[in-house]
Amino acid sequence: MSVKAEYCNGIFRPLEKVPDAIPGKLYRVFSEEELQSLTDDLVWLKAAEKSFDFWNNEEDAAYDNL
């Protein structure tokens, strides 16, 4: 879920309706910069994933569920 919020007097207030929000549940708010950083990290992780393909073999299969 991604919802824009504004910060005012120590409170983050959503700028749009939050679907399926549960009263009392804690939610984490990220800034645009943090979201971009997370997206960039995912792109690099996906690119690096192929470099670990050598572990996909029968010898190492015993470690797959650890």
Protein backbone atom coordinates (compact mmCIF):
# COMPACT_ATOMS: atom_id res chain seq x y z
CA MET A 1 0.00 0.00 0.00
CA SER A 2 1.32 3.43 -0.87
CA VAL A 3 -0.43 6.53 0.44
CA LYS A 4 0.76 10.13 0.46
CA ALA A 5 0.68 11.86 3.85
CA GLU A 6 1.45 15.28 5.25
CA TYR A 7 3.23 15.97 8.53
CA CYS A 8 1.72 18.61 10.79
CA ASN A 9 2.24 19.20 14.52
CA GLY A 10 3.84 15.80 15.07
CA ILE A 11 1.18 13.83 13.20
CA PHE A 12 1.25 12.21 9.76
CA ARG A 13 -2.14 12.63 8.13
CA PRO A 14 -3.05 10.74 4.93
CA LEU A 15 -3.95 12.92 1.96
CA GLU A 16 -6.27 10.27 0.55
CA LYS A 17 -8.51 7.52 1.84
CA VAL A 18 -6.53 4.51 3.08
CA PRO A 19 -8.24 1.31 1.93
CA ASP A 20 -8.42 -1.51 4.46
CA ALA A 21 -6.74 0.54 7.20
CA ILE A 22 -7.08 -1.00 10.66
CA PRO A 23 -7.59 1.41 13.57
CA GLY A 24 -4.76 1.15 16.10
CA LYS A 25 -2.42 -0.65 13.70
CA LEU A 26 0.97 0.99 13.14
CA TYR A 27 1.92 1.94 9.59
CA ARG A 28 5.27 3.13 8.31
CA VAL A 29 5.49 6.29 6.19
CA PHE A 30 8.35 6.70 3.68
CA SER A 31 9.47 9.89 2.01
CA GLU A 32 9.74 10.06 -1.80
CA GLU A 33 13.54 9.82 -1.46
CA GLU A 34 13.29 6.69 0.70
CA LEU A 35 10.87 5.05 -1.73
CA GLN A 36 13.20 5.83 -4.64
CA SER A 37 16.15 4.38 -2.73
CA LEU A 38 14.19 1.19 -1.98
CA THR A 39 13.22 0.90 -5.65
CA ASP A 40 16.84 1.40 -6.74
CA ASP A 41 17.99 -1.26 -4.27
CA LEU A 42 15.46 -3.76 -5.64
CA VAL A 43 16.71 -3.15 -9.19
CA TRP A 44 20.32 -3.83 -8.11
CA LEU A 45 19.30 -6.93 -6.14
CA LYS A 46 17.41 -8.30 -9.13
CA ALA A 47 20.43 -7.66 -11.36
CA ALA A 48 22.76 -9.39 -8.88
CA GLU A 49 20.46 -12.40 -8.52
CA LYS A 50 21.95 -14.13 -11.58
CA SER A 51 25.41 -14.11 -10.00
CA PHE A 52 24.14 -16.61 -7.40
CA ASP A 53 22.80 -19.13 -9.92
CA PHE A 54 25.75 -21.44 -9.21
CA TRP A 55 24.07 -22.31 -5.89
CA ASN A 56 21.06 -23.79 -7.70
CA ASN A 57 22.33 -27.36 -7.86
CA GLU A 58 21.58 -30.72 -6.26
CA GLU A 59 24.60 -30.66 -3.92
CA ASP A 60 23.44 -27.47 -2.24
CA ALA A 61 19.72 -28.34 -2.27
CA ALA A 62 20.00 -29.48 1.36
CA TYR A 63 20.56 -25.87 2.38
CA ASP A 64 17.55 -24.42 0.47
CA ASN A 65 15.15 -24.72 3.43
CA LEU A 66 17.44 -23.41 6.19
